[in-house]
C-alpha atoms as a PDB file:
ATOM      1  CA  UNK A   1      22.204   8.304 -18.602  1.00  0.00           C
ATOM      2  CA  UNK A   2      20.064   5.053 -19.092  1.00  0.00           C
ATOM      3  CA  UNK A   3      16.649   5.228 -20.075  1.00  0.00           C
ATOM      4  CA  UNK A   4      14.491   4.408 -17.242  1.00  0.00           C
ATOM      5  CA  UNK A   5      12.400   1.776 -19.317  1.00  0.00           C
ATOM      6  CA  UNK A   6      15.698  -0.228 -20.289  1.00  0.00           C
ATOM      7  CA  UNK A   7      18.060   0.227 -17.178  1.00  0.00           C
ATOM      8  CA  UNK A   8      18.260  -2.660 -14.772  1.00  0.00           C
ATOM      9  CA  UNK A   9      17.738  -2.236 -11.245  1.00  0.00           C
ATOM     10  CA  UNK A  10      18.784  -4.369  -8.304  1.00  0.00           C
ATOM     11  CA  UNK A  11      16.001  -5.139  -5.736  1.00  0.00           C
ATOM     12  CA  UNK A  12      16.729  -3.341  -2.552  1.00  0.00           C
ATOM     13  CA  UNK A  13      14.699  -3.165   0.691  1.00  0.00           C
ATOM     14  CA  UNK A  14      14.194   0.279   1.644  1.00  0.00           C
ATOM     15  CA  UNK A  15      11.381  -0.253   3.849  1.00  0.00           C
ATOM     16  CA  UNK A  16      10.311  -3.449   5.870  1.00  0.00           C
ATOM     17  CA  UNK A  17       6.689  -4.577   7.061  1.00  0.00           C
ATOM     18  CA  UNK A  18       6.192  -3.877  10.610  1.00  0.00           C
ATOM     19  CA  UNK A  19       4.706  -0.907  13.231  1.00  0.00           C
ATOM     20  CA  UNK A  20       5.642   2.398  12.542  1.00  0.00           C
ATOM     21  CA  UNK A  21       4.927   5.886  13.968  1.00  0.00           C
ATOM     22  CA  UNK A  22       3.760   8.277  11.331  1.00  0.00           C
ATOM     23  CA  UNK A  23       4.624  12.154  11.172  1.00  0.00           C
ATOM     24  CA  UNK A  24       1.703  12.869  13.028  1.00  0.00           C
ATOM     25  CA  UNK A  25       2.289  10.698  15.889  1.00  0.00           C
ATOM     26  CA  UNK A  26      -0.029   7.914  15.158  1.00  0.00           C
ATOM     27  CA  UNK A  27       0.989   4.137  15.002  1.00  0.00           C
ATOM     28  CA  UNK A  28       0.629   2.521  11.668  1.00  0.00           C
ATOM     29  CA  UNK A  29       1.137  -1.073  10.459  1.00  0.00           C
ATOM     30  CA  UNK A  30       2.737  -1.799   7.088  1.00  0.00           C
ATOM     31  CA  UNK A  31       2.335  -5.170   5.771  1.00  0.00           C
ATOM     32  CA  UNK A  32       4.161  -6.477   2.640  1.00  0.00           C
ATOM     33  CA  UNK A  33       1.146  -6.086   0.354  1.00  0.00           C
ATOM     34  CA  UNK A  34       1.248  -2.361   1.604  1.00  0.00           C
ATOM     35  CA  UNK A  35       4.719  -1.869   0.671  1.00  0.00           C
ATOM     36  CA  UNK A  36       4.391  -4.020  -2.639  1.00  0.00           C
ATOM     37  CA  UNK A  37       1.374  -1.364  -3.484  1.00  0.00           C
ATOM     38  CA  UNK A  38       3.632   1.562  -2.851  1.00  0.00           C
ATOM     39  CA  UNK A  39       6.241   0.041  -4.902  1.00  0.00           C
ATOM     40  CA  UNK A  40       4.051  -0.678  -7.809  1.00  0.00           C
ATOM     41  CA  UNK A  41       2.620   2.970  -7.856  1.00  0.00           C
ATOM     42  CA  UNK A  42       6.105   4.432  -7.866  1.00  0.00           C
ATOM     43  CA  UNK A  43       6.547   6.845 -10.744  1.00  0.00           C
ATOM     44  CA  UNK A  44       9.862   8.476 -10.815  1.00  0.00           C
ATOM     45  CA  UNK A  45       8.516  11.448 -12.883  1.00  0.00           C
ATOM     46  CA  UNK A  46       6.523  12.362  -9.819  1.00  0.00           C
ATOM     47  CA  UNK A  47       8.425  11.004  -6.963  1.00  0.00           C
ATOM     48  CA  UNK A  48      11.889  11.952  -6.359  1.00  0.00           C
ATOM     49  CA  UNK A  49      13.957   9.246  -4.861  1.00  0.00           C
ATOM     50  CA  UNK A  50      15.617  10.474  -1.616  1.00  0.00           C
ATOM     51  CA  UNK A  51      18.118   7.636  -0.880  1.00  0.00           C
ATOM     52  CA  UNK A  52      21.737   6.751  -2.160  1.00  0.00           C
ATOM     53  CA  UNK A  53      21.179   2.989  -2.668  1.00  0.00           C
ATOM     54  CA  UNK A  54      24.972   2.417  -3.855  1.00  0.00           C
ATOM     55  CA  UNK A  55      26.583   3.467  -0.718  1.00  0.00           C
ATOM     56  CA  UNK A  56      29.922   2.215  -0.021  1.00  0.00           C
ATOM     57  CA  UNK A  57      32.158   2.382   2.893  1.00  0.00           C
ATOM     58  CA  UNK A  58      34.651   4.194   0.583  1.00  0.00           C
ATOM     59  CA  UNK A  59      31.839   6.351  -0.990  1.00  0.00           C
ATOM     60  CA  UNK A  60      30.317   9.471  -0.458  1.00  0.00           C
ATOM     61  CA  UNK A  61      30.207  11.699   2.920  1.00  0.00           C
ATOM     62  CA  UNK A  62      27.189  11.955   4.812  1.00  0.00           C
ATOM     63  CA  UNK A  63      25.970  15.452   6.247  1.00  0.00           C
ATOM     64  CA  UNK A  64      22.976  15.745   8.648  1.00  0.00           C
ATOM     65  CA  UNK A  65      21.676  19.042  10.041  1.00  0.00           C
ATOM     66  CA  UNK A  66      19.035  18.988  12.873  1.00  0.00           C
ATOM     67  CA  UNK A  67      16.607  21.715  14.069  1.00  0.00           C
ATOM     68  CA  UNK A  68      14.167  22.645  16.499  1.00  0.00           C
ATOM     69  CA  UNK A  69      11.676  24.094  13.662  1.00  0.00           C
ATOM     70  CA  UNK A  70       9.868  22.039  10.705  1.00  0.00           C
ATOM     71  CA  UNK A  71      10.007  25.097   8.564  1.00  0.00           C
ATOM     72  CA  UNK A  72      13.564  25.820   9.124  1.00  0.00           C
ATOM     73  CA  UNK A  73      14.699  22.567   8.425  1.00  0.00           C
ATOM     74  CA  UNK A  74      12.687  22.542   4.907  1.00  0.00           C
ATOM     75  CA  UNK A  75      14.381  25.984   4.354  1.00  0.00           C
ATOM     76  CA  UNK A  76      17.841  24.717   5.115  1.00  0.00           C
ATOM     77  CA  UNK A  77      17.291  21.756   2.868  1.00  0.00           C
ATOM     78  CA  UNK A  78      16.693  24.111  -0.033  1.00  0.00           C
ATOM     79  CA  UNK A  79      19.363  26.158   0.641  1.00  0.00           C
ATOM     80  CA  UNK A  80      21.638  23.453   0.974  1.00  0.00           C
ATOM     81  CA  UNK A  81      20.936  21.585  -2.072  1.00  0.00           C
ATOM     82  CA  UNK A  82      21.200  25.103  -4.101  1.00  0.00           C
ATOM     83  CA  UNK A  83      24.717  25.540  -2.755  1.00  0.00           C
ATOM     84  CA  UNK A  84      26.564  22.331  -3.089  1.00  0.00           C
ATOM     85  CA  UNK A  85      26.471  19.492  -5.400  1.00  0.00           C
ATOM     86  CA  UNK A  86      24.888  16.963  -3.021  1.00  0.00           C
ATOM     87  CA  UNK A  87      22.189  14.351  -3.371  1.00  0.00           C
ATOM     88  CA  UNK A  88      19.319  15.019  -0.838  1.00  0.00           C
ATOM     89  CA  UNK A  89      18.758  11.558   1.106  1.00  0.00           C
ATOM     90  CA  UNK A  90      15.996  12.550   3.096  1.00  0.00           C
ATOM     91  CA  UNK A  91      14.180  15.458   4.954  1.00  0.00           C
ATOM     92  CA  UNK A  92      12.612  13.851   8.187  1.00  0.00           C
ATOM     93  CA  UNK A  93      10.021  16.146   9.897  1.00  0.00           C
ATOM     94  CA  UNK A  94       8.158  14.723  13.050  1.00  0.00           C
ATOM     95  CA  UNK A  95       5.673  15.914  15.599  1.00  0.00           C
ATOM     96  CA  UNK A  96       6.778  12.990  17.900  1.00  0.00           C
ATOM     97  CA  UNK A  97      10.040  14.215  18.242  1.00  0.00           C
ATOM     98  CA  UNK A  98       9.139  17.565  19.883  1.00  0.00           C
ATOM     99  CA  UNK A  99       8.620  19.439  16.337  1.00  0.00           C
ATOM    100  CA  UNK A 100      12.129  18.923  15.555  1.00  0.00           C
ATOM    101  CA  UNK A 101      13.522  17.475  12.072  1.00  0.00           C
ATOM    102  CA  UNK A 102      16.611  16.874  10.204  1.00  0.00           C
ATOM    103  CA  UNK A 103      17.950  16.861   6.630  1.00  0.00           C
ATOM    104  CA  UNK A 104      20.558  14.601   5.376  1.00  0.00           C
ATOM    105  CA  UNK A 105      22.751  14.758   2.133  1.00  0.00           C
ATOM    106  CA  UNK A 106      25.361  12.636   0.518  1.00  0.00           C
ATOM    107  CA  UNK A 107      28.142  13.633  -1.631  1.00  0.00           C
ATOM    108  CA  UNK A 108      31.926  14.160  -2.079  1.00  0.00           C
ATOM    109  CA  UNK A 109      33.152  15.708   1.317  1.00  0.00           C
ATOM    110  CA  UNK A 110      33.776  19.202   0.381  1.00  0.00           C
ATOM    111  CA  UNK A 111      30.310  19.346  -1.047  1.00  0.00           C
ATOM    112  CA  UNK A 112      28.583  17.552   1.880  1.00  0.00           C
ATOM    113  CA  UNK A 113      30.532  20.070   4.156  1.00  0.00           C
ATOM    114  CA  UNK A 114      29.328  23.352   2.190  1.00  0.00           C
ATOM    115  CA  UNK A 115      25.607  22.016   2.223  1.00  0.00           C
ATOM    116  CA  UNK A 116      25.764  21.590   5.915  1.00  0.00           C
ATOM    117  CA  UNK A 117      27.449  24.952   6.486  1.00  0.00           C
ATOM    118  CA  UNK A 118      24.755  26.488   4.356  1.00  0.00           C
ATOM    119  CA  UNK A 119      21.884  24.352   5.872  1.00  0.00           C
ATOM    120  CA  UNK A 120      22.886  24.969   9.459  1.00  0.00           C
ATOM    121  CA  UNK A 121      23.392  28.624   8.958  1.00  0.00           C
ATOM    122  CA  UNK A 122      19.754  28.854   8.033  1.00  0.00           C
ATOM    123  CA  UNK A 123      18.521  27.377  11.210  1.00  0.00           C
ATOM    124  CA  UNK A 124      20.971  28.933  13.316  1.00  0.00           C
ATOM    125  CA  UNK A 125      20.017  32.555  12.144  1.00  0.00           C
ATOM    126  CA  UNK A 126      16.708  31.441  14.198  1.00  0.00           C
ATOM    127  CA  UNK A 127      18.549  30.206  16.997  1.00  0.00           C
ATOM    128  CA  UNK A 128      17.066  26.735  16.469  1.00  0.00           C
ATOM    129  CA  UNK A 129      20.098  24.657  15.407  1.00  0.00           C
ATOM    130  CA  UNK A 130      20.394  21.511  17.704  1.00  0.00           C
ATOM    131  CA  UNK A 131      23.277  19.643  15.839  1.00  0.00           C
ATOM    132  CA  UNK A 132      25.224  19.479  12.522  1.00  0.00           C
ATOM    133  CA  UNK A 133      27.510  16.719  11.492  1.00  0.00           C
ATOM    134  CA  UNK A 134      29.569  15.340   8.612  1.00  0.00           C
ATOM    135  CA  UNK A 135      31.048  11.957   8.397  1.00  0.00           C
ATOM    136  CA  UNK A 136      33.517  11.370   5.560  1.00  0.00           C
ATOM    137  CA  UNK A 137      33.013   7.623   4.846  1.00  0.00           C
ATOM    138  CA  UNK A 138      30.154   6.366   7.020  1.00  0.00           C
ATOM    139  CA  UNK A 139      29.849   2.753   7.859  1.00  0.00           C
ATOM    140  CA  UNK A 140      26.773   0.949   6.021  1.00  0.00           C
ATOM    141  CA  UNK A 141      25.263   0.377   9.141  1.00  0.00           C
ATOM    142  CA  UNK A 142      24.967   4.225   9.692  1.00  0.00           C
ATOM    143  CA  UNK A 143      23.757   4.675   6.153  1.00  0.00           C
ATOM    144  CA  UNK A 144      21.187   1.827   6.401  1.00  0.00           C
ATOM    145  CA  UNK A 145      19.424   3.628   9.442  1.00  0.00           C
ATOM    146  CA  UNK A 146      18.498   6.439   6.838  1.00  0.00           C
ATOM    147  CA  UNK A 147      17.248   3.926   4.214  1.00  0.00           C
END
């Protein structure tokens, strides 16, 4: 593994300036200056990256589990990453979508299938599962929506 202080990184846009709705349903405007300040203050020792920035069409699978409860989605994410060798991409929790949330993973197909099954089972126990899906080789346009 490279030393973070000597590794070279590509410049990748993971967010763009514009108007967004935050997790509490409030409208928020992010400027280029806001995003630059976030990037300047990012510390990998305290903020785990949640996206795979090197996703290729022949690369890892994408798995998504959606539920009707914020707590159940968090529990599902925890159980899934403990059960399978996957990278957690995002845990999206939002009041603006009726209290629903989703978690997404990436990794090899078998690991993502296991993570999705385990995560979905946690939510399904409470009768709150909305949907689950594994996409073996998602196109970049699909992955880009998660970034």
